[in-house]
Protein backbone atom coordinates (compact mmCIF):
# COMPACT_ATOMS: atom_id res chain seq x y z
CA MET A 1 8.22 1.58 21.79
CA SER A 2 7.56 -1.39 19.53
CA GLN A 3 7.50 -1.09 15.75
CA PRO A 4 3.95 -0.69 14.42
CA GLN A 5 2.45 -3.39 12.28
CA ILE A 6 1.71 -2.01 8.81
CA GLN A 7 -1.27 -3.31 6.87
CA LEU A 8 -2.12 -2.41 3.27
CA VAL A 9 -5.83 -1.94 2.50
CA PHE A 10 -6.87 -2.60 -1.12
CA SER A 11 -10.14 -2.12 -2.99
CA SER A 12 -12.30 -5.24 -3.34
CA ASP A 13 -11.38 -5.50 -7.06
CA ASP A 14 -7.67 -5.38 -6.27
CA GLN A 15 -8.08 -7.87 -3.41
CA ALA A 16 -9.75 -10.25 -5.87
CA TRP A 17 -6.91 -9.72 -8.40
CA ILE A 18 -4.28 -10.43 -5.72
CA ARG A 19 -6.06 -13.66 -4.67
CA ARG A 20 -6.81 -14.78 -8.24
CA GLU A 21 -3.22 -14.23 -9.42
CA GLN A 22 -1.80 -15.56 -6.12
CA ILE A 23 0.41 -12.52 -5.74
CA ALA A 24 2.52 -12.27 -2.61
CA VAL A 25 2.32 -8.70 -1.34
CA PRO A 26 5.84 -7.71 -0.21
CA LYS A 27 6.39 -6.44 3.34
CA PHE A 28 7.79 -3.16 2.08
CA TRP A 29 8.45 -1.57 5.47
CA GLN A 30 9.56 -4.54 7.53
CA ASP A 31 12.54 -3.50 9.68
CA HIS A 32 12.52 0.08 8.33
CA ALA A 33 12.62 2.99 10.76
CA VAL A 34 10.65 5.35 8.50
CA ALA A 35 6.91 4.82 8.12
CA PRO A 36 5.33 5.19 4.67
CA LEU A 37 3.74 8.50 3.69
CA VAL A 38 0.72 9.56 1.68
CA GLY A 39 1.80 9.77 -1.96
CA ASP A 40 4.34 6.95 -1.77
CA VAL A 41 4.05 4.53 -4.71
CA LEU A 42 4.22 0.74 -4.35
CA ARG A 43 4.93 -1.54 -7.30
CA PHE A 44 4.42 -5.28 -7.40
CA GLY A 45 2.74 -7.85 -9.63
CA GLY A 46 3.10 -5.58 -12.66
CA ARG A 47 0.92 -2.88 -11.13
CA GLN A 48 1.40 0.21 -9.00
CA PHE A 49 -0.56 1.62 -6.08
CA VAL A 50 -0.42 5.06 -4.45
CA ILE A 51 -0.87 5.44 -0.70
CA GLU A 52 -3.92 7.68 -0.33
CA ALA A 53 -4.54 7.64 3.43
CA ARG A 54 -2.94 6.50 6.69
CA VAL A 55 -4.97 5.45 9.73
CA TRP A 56 -3.33 4.73 13.07
CA GLU A 57 -5.12 2.22 15.28
CA HIS A 58 -4.34 0.25 18.39
CA GLU A 59 -5.08 -3.47 18.12
CA ALA A 60 -4.28 -6.20 20.66
CA GLY A 61 -2.06 -3.80 22.58
CA GLN A 62 0.08 -2.97 19.56
CA PRO A 63 0.16 0.05 17.24
CA LEU A 64 -1.23 -0.64 13.77
CA LEU A 65 -0.85 1.58 10.72
CA ARG A 66 -3.41 0.87 7.98
CA LEU A 67 -2.45 2.20 4.56
CA PHE A 68 -5.32 2.73 2.14
CA VAL A 69 -4.04 2.49 -1.41
CA SER A 70 -5.43 3.61 -4.77
CA ASN A 71 -6.85 1.28 -7.36
CA ALA A 72 -4.16 -0.58 -9.28
CA ARG A 73 -2.61 0.94 -12.38
CA ALA A 74 -0.14 -0.60 -14.79
CA GLU A 75 3.47 0.32 -14.01
CA SER A 76 3.77 2.14 -17.32
CA ASP A 77 0.97 4.53 -16.33
CA THR A 78 2.28 7.78 -14.92
CA SER A 79 0.66 10.89 -13.55
CA LEU A 80 2.62 13.71 -15.13
CA GLY A 81 -0.22 16.20 -15.26
CA SER A 82 -1.53 17.94 -18.31
CA LEU A 83 0.90 18.36 -21.18
CA ALA A 84 -1.34 20.91 -22.96
């Protein structure tokens, strides 16, 4: 079986930020045997994104995994829950 193509899906605001800042989105999973999972965190361009959903599709005879990511947050932002 061939390796699936993996495509990140960003919000329209984040797509505009990526284009405006001319940020090259890394191919995080190229040549990796393990597919990304919901909850994985990606960091690039000084921001981080969380994978929120995975959708498998079949396009042009090849498997395609679309990863829907959260809105961008600064790398220093963390989700540690309530400290109260």
